[in-house]
């Protein structure tokens, strides 16, 4: 802009120098022209300053807007994590009407967020149930009632933003937040080579649902897999699968990114001997007999076994223990024998049956009607 002005002035001065005396009248006209040019240039300069000044202001405002938006994201993430941290305390701060909070929550900084400086909690307001309002007077604080905290942060452009958030556990001094996250599954069922439809579901408690699952160390038997959303370990065990114990560490993650782990294992066994009831017969009982007892036996399959009677019935007052296979009881004087079918089931659901019977005999009888006379000495 300055160079253009110099060129115009130089041109006008040159023309004035070359004027003849007879053309002096034109000087006045030329002078008017020069003034007009200078005025026009001044107007252009002012407009240019305003234009570029406005553009710079617009750029600065845009940068500040982005900075405030970034701070808003940071503060929300900070508030969520701080609230969870407070609620996880054994004796939470809000239960004791504090006048200050010292927080240093660890949270994931949103992508692209840099140059911010979190500040401490700048104010605390206490909920007063009687007036249904917040107050800054700690003397009106009700233990365990909601509290509103204010946190501030400074961004890369020296902009500042504040956010109010509420920690709440109405009516109780116990933490209102989720209980600590944990894996509650204690063991996993064994699998067999060639088994179809193996399925076990991992379980967790605490934290904030939904959960997601992963295996952080070790590996599952081949052809079994873990569903990360449901926690179900399932699949068909290959007929060529290796036998042995497969140790794994499972991890559960909740929606607040808290994690918990547990060491578990799955044992793969070879196909067992077919299940069968090996008891050949049961001892007879007598009417009036005390403490009759016979134990059913099985072989093969996968222990533990469970027992039941699928048809017929035991003599009255005798019973079968489904866990031990023991038939026991006192035989009544009116009991009668009978035939029945016992079934044994193993841990993998295989079953076997056998028909057995218990005979009930009458008790011993006394047939003597008189005794021989004695001899005196």
Protein backbone atom coordinates (compact mmCIF):
# COMPACT_ATOMS: atom_id res chain seq x y z
CA UNK A 1 0.00 0.00 0.00
CA UNK A 2 2.90 2.45 0.87
CA UNK A 3 4.79 1.72 -2.39
CA UNK A 4 1.71 2.44 -4.50
CA UNK A 5 1.24 5.82 -2.76
CA UNK A 6 4.87 6.78 -3.38
CA UNK A 7 4.57 5.97 -7.09
CA UNK A 8 1.44 8.12 -7.48
CA UNK A 9 2.99 11.12 -5.67
CA UNK A 10 6.18 10.85 -7.74
CA UNK A 11 4.17 10.86 -10.95
CA UNK A 12 2.21 13.95 -9.95
CA UNK A 13 5.35 15.89 -8.90
CA UNK A 14 7.07 15.06 -12.19
CA UNK A 15 4.16 16.37 -14.21
CA UNK A 16 4.10 19.61 -12.16
CA UNK A 17 7.82 20.23 -12.76
CA UNK A 18 7.39 19.90 -16.53
CA UNK A 19 4.56 22.42 -16.74
CA UNK A 20 5.10 25.57 -18.85
CA UNK A 21 4.28 28.98 -17.47
CA UNK A 22 1.24 29.12 -19.70
CA UNK A 23 -0.07 25.98 -18.09
CA UNK A 24 0.02 27.33 -14.56
CA UNK A 25 -3.70 27.30 -14.46
CA UNK A 26 -3.64 23.56 -14.66
CA UNK A 27 -1.58 23.36 -11.48
CA UNK A 28 -4.57 24.21 -9.46
CA UNK A 29 -6.54 21.47 -11.16
CA UNK A 30 -3.72 19.02 -10.65
CA UNK A 31 -3.51 19.97 -6.98
CA UNK A 32 -7.16 19.17 -6.62
CA UNK A 33 -6.54 15.83 -8.26
CA UNK A 34 -3.67 15.05 -5.87
CA UNK A 35 -5.82 15.80 -2.86
CA UNK A 36 -8.53 13.54 -4.18
CA UNK A 37 -6.00 10.75 -4.72
CA UNK A 38 -4.58 11.10 -1.24
CA UNK A 39 -8.05 11.08 0.32
CA UNK A 40 -9.00 7.96 -1.63
CA UNK A 41 -5.80 6.22 -0.56
CA UNK A 42 -6.45 7.11 3.07
CA UNK A 43 -9.94 5.62 2.87
CA UNK A 44 -8.54 2.42 1.33
CA UNK A 45 -5.93 2.18 4.10
CA UNK A 46 -8.54 2.53 6.83
CA UNK A 47 -10.74 -0.12 5.21
CA UNK A 48 -7.77 -2.48 4.91
CA UNK A 49 -6.89 -2.08 8.58
CA UNK A 50 -10.50 -2.74 9.55
CA UNK A 51 -10.71 -5.77 7.25
CA UNK A 52 -7.51 -7.43 8.50
CA UNK A 53 -8.23 -6.42 12.08
CA UNK A 54 -11.63 -8.09 11.86
CA UNK A 55 -10.09 -11.20 10.33
CA UNK A 56 -7.54 -11.41 13.17
CA UNK A 57 -10.31 -10.97 15.73
CA UNK A 58 -12.31 -13.73 14.02
CA UNK A 59 -9.31 -16.09 14.11
CA UNK A 60 -8.70 -15.34 17.79
CA UNK A 61 -12.36 -15.88 18.65
CA UNK A 62 -12.38 -19.18 16.76
CA UNK A 63 -9.28 -20.36 18.66
CA UNK A 64 -10.88 -19.41 21.98
CA UNK A 65 -14.06 -21.25 21.02
CA UNK A 66 -12.07 -24.40 20.25
CA UNK A 67 -10.19 -24.03 23.52
CA UNK A 68 -13.43 -23.74 25.49
CA UNK A 69 -14.88 -26.79 23.72
CA UNK A 70 -11.72 -28.73 24.60
CA UNK A 71 -11.91 -27.63 28.24
CA UNK A 72 -15.56 -28.69 28.40
CA UNK A 73 -14.58 -32.21 27.29
CA UNK A 74 -11.74 -32.38 29.81
CA UNK A 75 -13.87 -31.12 32.68
CA UNK A 76 -16.69 -33.58 31.98
CA UNK A 77 -14.23 -36.47 31.92
CA UNK A 78 -12.59 -35.16 35.10
CA UNK A 79 -15.96 -34.80 36.86
CA UNK A 80 -17.12 -38.31 35.96
CA UNK A 81 -13.89 -39.87 37.21
CA UNK A 82 -13.78 -37.71 40.35
CA UNK A 83 -17.37 -38.63 41.22
CA UNK A 84 -16.59 -42.33 40.87
CA UNK A 85 -13.43 -41.92 42.98
CA UNK A 86 -15.37 -40.18 45.78
CA UNK A 87 -18.11 -42.78 45.78
CA UNK A 88 -15.59 -45.62 46.03
CA UNK A 89 -14.16 -44.36 49.30
CA UNK A 90 -14.93 -46.53 52.34
CA UNK A 91 -16.00 -43.40 54.23
CA UNK A 92 -16.91 -41.00 51.42
CA UNK A 93 -16.11 -37.32 51.86
CA UNK A 94 -19.67 -36.18 51.24
CA UNK A 95 -20.84 -38.16 54.27
CA UNK A 96 -18.89 -35.85 56.59
CA UNK A 97 -19.80 -32.38 55.27
CA UNK A 98 -16.25 -31.44 54.15
CA UNK A 99 -15.15 -27.85 53.59
CA UNK A 100 -12.63 -28.88 50.95
CA UNK A 101 -11.83 -31.72 48.58
CA UNK A 102 -8.40 -32.91 47.48
CA UNK A 103 -8.85 -34.94 44.32
CA UNK A 104 -6.42 -36.30 41.79
CA UNK A 105 -8.50 -38.59 39.61
CA UNK A 106 -6.75 -40.58 36.92
CA UNK A 107 -8.68 -40.43 33.68
CA UNK A 108 -8.04 -40.86 29.97
CA UNK A 109 -7.44 -37.51 28.29
CA UNK A 110 -9.63 -37.19 25.17
CA UNK A 111 -7.75 -37.51 21.84
CA UNK A 112 -6.12 -34.26 20.69
CA UNK A 113 -6.45 -32.57 24.10
CA UNK A 114 -3.21 -30.92 25.23
CA UNK A 115 -2.06 -27.91 27.17
CA UNK A 116 -4.71 -27.82 29.89
CA UNK A 117 -4.11 -27.43 33.61
CA UNK A 118 -6.78 -28.91 35.92
CA UNK A 119 -7.47 -26.77 38.97
CA UNK A 120 -8.70 -27.90 42.40
CA UNK A 121 -12.34 -27.96 43.42
CA UNK A 122 -13.14 -24.23 43.63
CA UNK A 123 -16.41 -24.36 45.56
CA UNK A 124 -18.70 -26.72 47.46
CA UNK A 125 -22.44 -26.31 47.84
CA UNK A 126 -24.54 -28.42 50.20
CA UNK A 127 -28.07 -29.64 49.54
CA UNK A 128 -30.62 -28.57 52.16
CA UNK A 129 -33.66 -30.90 52.03
CA UNK A 130 -35.89 -28.48 53.96
CA UNK A 131 -35.49 -25.71 51.39
CA UNK A 132 -34.77 -27.95 48.38
CA UNK A 133 -31.81 -25.81 47.45
CA UNK A 134 -28.03 -25.69 47.60
CA UNK A 135 -26.14 -23.51 50.07
CA UNK A 136 -22.51 -22.62 50.60
CA UNK A 137 -22.93 -22.65 54.38
CA UNK A 138 -21.42 -25.83 55.79
CA UNK A 139 -23.40 -25.31 58.99
CA UNK A 140 -26.53 -26.31 57.03
CA UNK A 141 -24.96 -29.41 55.54
CA UNK A 142 -26.80 -32.72 56.01
CA UNK A 143 -24.46 -35.73 56.18
CA UNK A 144 -24.93 -37.97 53.18
CA UNK A 145 -27.00 -35.42 51.25
CA UNK A 146 -25.98 -34.40 47.71
CA UNK A 147 -23.18 -31.88 47.25
CA UNK A 148 -22.44 -29.77 44.18
CA UNK A 149 -18.75 -29.27 43.39
CA UNK A 150 -17.24 -26.77 40.96
CA UNK A 151 -14.04 -27.55 39.10
CA UNK A 152 -12.18 -25.24 36.72
CA UNK A 153 -9.42 -25.60 34.14
CA UNK A 154 -7.20 -23.34 32.06
CA UNK A 155 -6.69 -24.12 28.37
CA UNK A 156 -3.76 -23.58 25.97
CA UNK A 157 -5.01 -20.08 25.01
CA UNK A 158 -5.36 -19.05 28.67
CA UNK A 159 -9.10 -19.53 28.42
CA UNK A 160 -10.93 -20.77 31.49
CA UNK A 161 -13.97 -22.94 31.89
CA UNK A 162 -15.86 -24.19 34.95
CA UNK A 163 -18.20 -27.12 35.46
CA UNK A 164 -20.58 -28.00 38.30
CA UNK A 165 -21.14 -31.67 39.12
CA UNK A 166 -23.02 -33.41 41.90
CA UNK A 167 -21.90 -36.26 44.16
CA UNK A 168 -24.91 -37.96 45.65
CA UNK A 169 -25.80 -40.69 48.11
CA UNK A 170 -29.28 -39.70 49.35
CA UNK A 171 -30.27 -40.93 52.80
CA UNK A 172 -27.18 -42.99 53.55
CA UNK A 173 -23.56 -42.55 54.53
CA UNK A 174 -22.56 -45.63 52.51
CA UNK A 175 -21.14 -45.06 49.03
CA UNK A 176 -23.82 -44.80 46.39
CA UNK A 177 -21.47 -45.66 43.56
CA UNK A 178 -20.99 -49.17 42.19
CA UNK A 179 -19.24 -51.75 44.33
CA UNK A 180 -15.71 -52.70 43.27
CA UNK A 181 -15.60 -54.75 40.10
CA UNK A 182 -14.73 -58.45 40.49
CA UNK A 183 -14.86 -61.74 38.59
CA UNK A 184 -17.17 -64.07 40.54
CA UNK A 185 -16.62 -67.25 38.51
CA UNK A 186 -14.64 -69.64 40.71
CA UNK A 187 -14.06 -72.55 38.32
CA UNK A 188 -14.82 -73.86 34.84
CA UNK A 189 -16.18 -77.30 34.00
CA UNK A 190 -13.90 -79.89 32.45
CA UNK A 191 -14.25 -80.80 28.79
CA UNK A 192 -13.81 -84.09 26.96
CA UNK A 193 -12.08 -84.84 23.71
CA UNK A 194 -14.76 -84.90 21.03
CA UNK A 195 -17.36 -83.19 23.25
CA UNK A 196 -19.95 -81.09 21.39
CA UNK A 197 -21.68 -78.00 22.77
CA UNK A 198 -19.26 -77.13 25.57
CA UNK A 199 -20.42 -73.91 27.23
CA UNK A 200 -19.46 -71.98 30.36
CA UNK A 201 -20.42 -68.39 31.19
CA UNK A 202 -18.07 -66.07 33.04
CA UNK A 203 -19.71 -63.88 35.69
CA UNK A 204 -18.79 -60.58 37.34
CA UNK A 205 -20.19 -58.27 40.00
CA UNK A 206 -19.82 -54.60 40.90
CA UNK A 207 -18.61 -51.82 38.66
CA UNK A 208 -20.92 -50.37 36.04
CA UNK A 209 -22.46 -52.54 33.32
CA UNK A 210 -22.18 -53.41 30.52
CA UNK A 211 -19.08 -55.57 30.89
CA UNK A 212 -16.61 -56.71 28.27
CA UNK A 213 -14.37 -59.78 28.56
CA UNK A 214 -10.92 -60.76 27.34
CA UNK A 215 -8.15 -63.26 28.02
CA UNK A 216 -4.96 -61.51 29.12
CA UNK A 217 -2.71 -64.56 29.43
CA UNK A 218 -2.79 -68.24 28.55
CA UNK A 219 -5.06 -69.74 25.92
CA UNK A 220 -8.23 -71.79 25.63
CA UNK A 221 -8.28 -75.34 24.29
CA UNK A 222 -8.39 -75.38 20.51
CA UNK A 223 -11.83 -74.79 18.94
CA UNK A 224 -13.13 -73.10 22.12
CA UNK A 225 -13.54 -69.32 22.10
CA UNK A 226 -14.60 -66.46 24.39
CA UNK A 227 -17.41 -64.07 23.43
CA UNK A 228 -16.15 -60.68 24.58
CA UNK A 229 -19.64 -59.25 25.06
CA UNK A 230 -21.40 -62.11 26.87
CA UNK A 231 -18.48 -63.80 28.64
CA UNK A 232 -19.50 -67.18 27.23
CA UNK A 233 -16.73 -69.73 26.54
CA UNK A 234 -18.11 -72.22 24.04
CA UNK A 235 -17.40 -74.54 21.14
CA UNK A 236 -16.94 -78.17 20.20
CA UNK A 237 -13.86 -79.88 21.57
CA UNK A 238 -11.96 -81.38 18.67
CA UNK A 239 -11.57 -85.15 18.58
CA UNK A 240 -7.84 -84.52 18.16
CA UNK A 241 -7.63 -81.96 20.97
CA UNK A 242 -4.76 -82.24 23.40
CA UNK A 243 -5.62 -83.39 26.89
CA UNK A 244 -4.41 -81.53 29.95
CA UNK A 245 -5.12 -78.38 31.92
CA UNK A 246 -5.29 -75.05 30.10
CA UNK A 247 -4.62 -72.14 32.48
CA UNK A 248 -5.97 -68.72 31.51
CA UNK A 249 -6.38 -65.30 33.09
CA UNK A 250 -9.65 -63.60 32.24
CA UNK A 251 -10.25 -59.87 32.52
CA UNK A 252 -13.55 -58.03 32.82
CA UNK A 253 -13.83 -54.32 31.99
CA UNK A 254 -16.82 -52.18 32.94
CA UNK A 255 -18.20 -49.06 31.25
CA UNK A 256 -16.00 -46.83 33.45
CA UNK A 257 -12.90 -48.69 32.21
CA UNK A 258 -12.31 -50.34 35.59
CA UNK A 259 -10.88 -53.85 35.31
CA UNK A 260 -10.67 -57.04 37.35
CA UNK A 261 -8.91 -60.33 36.60
CA UNK A 262 -9.15 -63.94 37.69
CA UNK A 263 -7.01 -67.01 37.05
CA UNK A 264 -9.05 -70.00 35.86
CA UNK A 265 -8.44 -73.27 34.03
CA UNK A 266 -10.17 -75.80 31.81
CA UNK A 267 -9.13 -79.44 31.97
CA UNK A 268 -9.56 -81.51 28.81
CA UNK A 269 -9.79 -85.25 29.45
CA UNK A 270 -9.84 -88.23 27.13
CA UNK A 271 -13.08 -90.10 26.51
CA UNK A 272 -13.77 -92.12 29.67
CA UNK A 273 -14.87 -95.72 29.96
CA UNK A 274 -18.63 -95.92 29.31
CA UNK A 275 -20.71 -95.38 32.42
CA UNK A 276 -22.32 -98.44 34.02
CA UNK A 277 -23.95 -99.60 37.25
CA UNK A 278 -21.72 -102.30 38.68
CA UNK A 279 -23.90 -103.39 41.62
CA UNK A 280 -25.03 -106.92 40.77
CA UNK A 281 -27.55 -107.46 43.58
CA UNK A 282 -28.75 -106.10 46.90
CA UNK A 283 -28.89 -107.97 50.20
CA UNK A 284 -32.25 -109.16 51.44
CA UNK A 285 -33.86 -107.40 54.40
CA UNK A 286 -35.92 -108.75 57.28
CA UNK A 287 -39.04 -107.25 58.74
CA UNK A 288 -38.19 -105.28 61.81
CA UNK A 289 -34.52 -105.04 60.82
CA UNK A 290 -32.67 -102.00 62.18
CA UNK A 291 -30.22 -99.96 60.03
CA UNK A 292 -30.44 -101.78 56.72
CA UNK A 293 -27.75 -100.37 54.38
CA UNK A 294 -26.52 -101.15 50.86
CA UNK A 295 -24.38 -98.92 48.62
CA UNK A 296 -24.91 -98.73 44.86
CA UNK A 297 -21.72 -98.67 42.75
CA UNK A 298 -20.85 -97.45 39.24
CA UNK A 299 -17.82 -97.33 36.96
CA UNK A 300 -16.71 -95.26 34.00
CA UNK A 301 -17.99 -91.84 33.02
CA UNK A 302 -16.83 -88.75 34.86
CA UNK A 303 -17.34 -88.38 38.59
CA UNK A 304 -19.11 -87.22 40.64
CA UNK A 305 -22.15 -89.45 40.14
CA UNK A 306 -25.77 -88.84 41.10
CA UNK A 307 -28.38 -91.54 41.71
CA UNK A 308 -32.13 -91.89 41.32
CA UNK A 309 -34.92 -94.50 40.96
CA UNK A 310 -36.71 -94.24 37.64
CA UNK A 311 -39.34 -96.98 38.10
CA UNK A 312 -40.66 -99.23 40.86
CA UNK A 313 -40.07 -98.38 44.51
CA UNK A 314 -38.03 -99.33 47.52
CA UNK A 315 -39.55 -101.18 50.47
CA UNK A 316 -41.35 -98.72 52.74
CA UNK A 317 -39.13 -96.82 55.23
CA UNK A 318 -36.04 -97.37 53.06
CA UNK A 319 -34.65 -94.47 50.99
CA UNK A 320 -31.92 -93.71 48.43
CA UNK A 321 -29.31 -90.96 48.97
CA UNK A 322 -28.92 -89.36 45.54
CA UNK A 323 -25.34 -88.20 46.16
CA UNK A 324 -23.84 -91.29 47.79
CA UNK A 325 -25.98 -94.08 46.28
CA UNK A 326 -26.67 -95.51 49.75
CA UNK A 327 -30.00 -97.29 50.30
CA UNK A 328 -30.72 -97.33 54.03
CA UNK A 329 -33.33 -97.26 56.77
CA UNK A 330 -35.17 -99.39 59.33
CA UNK A 331 -37.36 -102.13 57.80
CA UNK A 332 -40.91 -101.93 59.07
CA UNK A 333 -42.85 -105.00 60.13
CA UNK A 334 -45.22 -104.51 57.20
CA UNK A 335 -42.60 -103.90 54.52
CA UNK A 336 -42.69 -105.91 51.31
CA UNK A 337 -39.97 -106.46 48.79
CA UNK A 338 -39.96 -105.33 45.20
CA UNK A 339 -38.09 -104.66 41.98
CA UNK A 340 -37.01 -101.17 40.85
CA UNK A 341 -34.69 -99.49 38.33
CA UNK A 342 -31.78 -97.35 39.48
CA UNK A 343 -30.13 -94.73 37.27
CA UNK A 344 -26.68 -93.21 37.66
CA UNK A 345 -25.70 -89.94 35.93
CA UNK A 346 -22.13 -88.61 35.67
CA UNK A 347 -20.79 -85.03 35.69
CA UNK A 348 -21.08 -84.73 31.91
CA UNK A 349 -24.67 -85.97 31.72
CA UNK A 350 -24.02 -89.56 30.68
CA UNK A 351 -26.44 -92.08 32.27
CA UNK A 352 -26.74 -95.80 32.89
CA UNK A 353 -29.53 -97.88 34.45
CA UNK A 354 -29.95 -101.27 36.08
CA UNK A 355 -32.88 -103.30 37.41
CA UNK A 356 -32.40 -104.45 41.00
CA UNK A 357 -34.58 -105.84 43.78
CA UNK A 358 -34.71 -106.14 47.54
CA UNK A 359 -36.37 -109.15 49.13
CA UNK A 360 -37.99 -108.64 52.54
CA UNK A 361 -38.09 -111.79 54.64
CA UNK A 362 -40.17 -112.40 57.72
CA UNK A 363 -38.29 -112.26 61.01
CA UNK A 364 -37.31 -115.46 62.85
CA UNK A 365 -40.24 -117.27 64.59
CA UNK A 366 -40.34 -119.32 67.85
CA UNK A 367 -42.21 -122.59 67.41
CA UNK A 368 -41.68 -124.10 70.94
CA UNK A 369 -45.01 -124.44 72.74
CA UNK A 370 -43.75 -125.89 76.07
CA UNK A 371 -40.60 -126.48 77.99
CA UNK A 372 -39.46 -129.80 79.51
CA UNK A 373 -40.02 -130.20 83.23
CA UNK A 374 -37.08 -129.94 85.58
CA UNK A 375 -35.79 -132.51 88.16
CA UNK A 376 -35.47 -131.70 91.79
CA UNK A 377 -32.39 -132.69 93.62
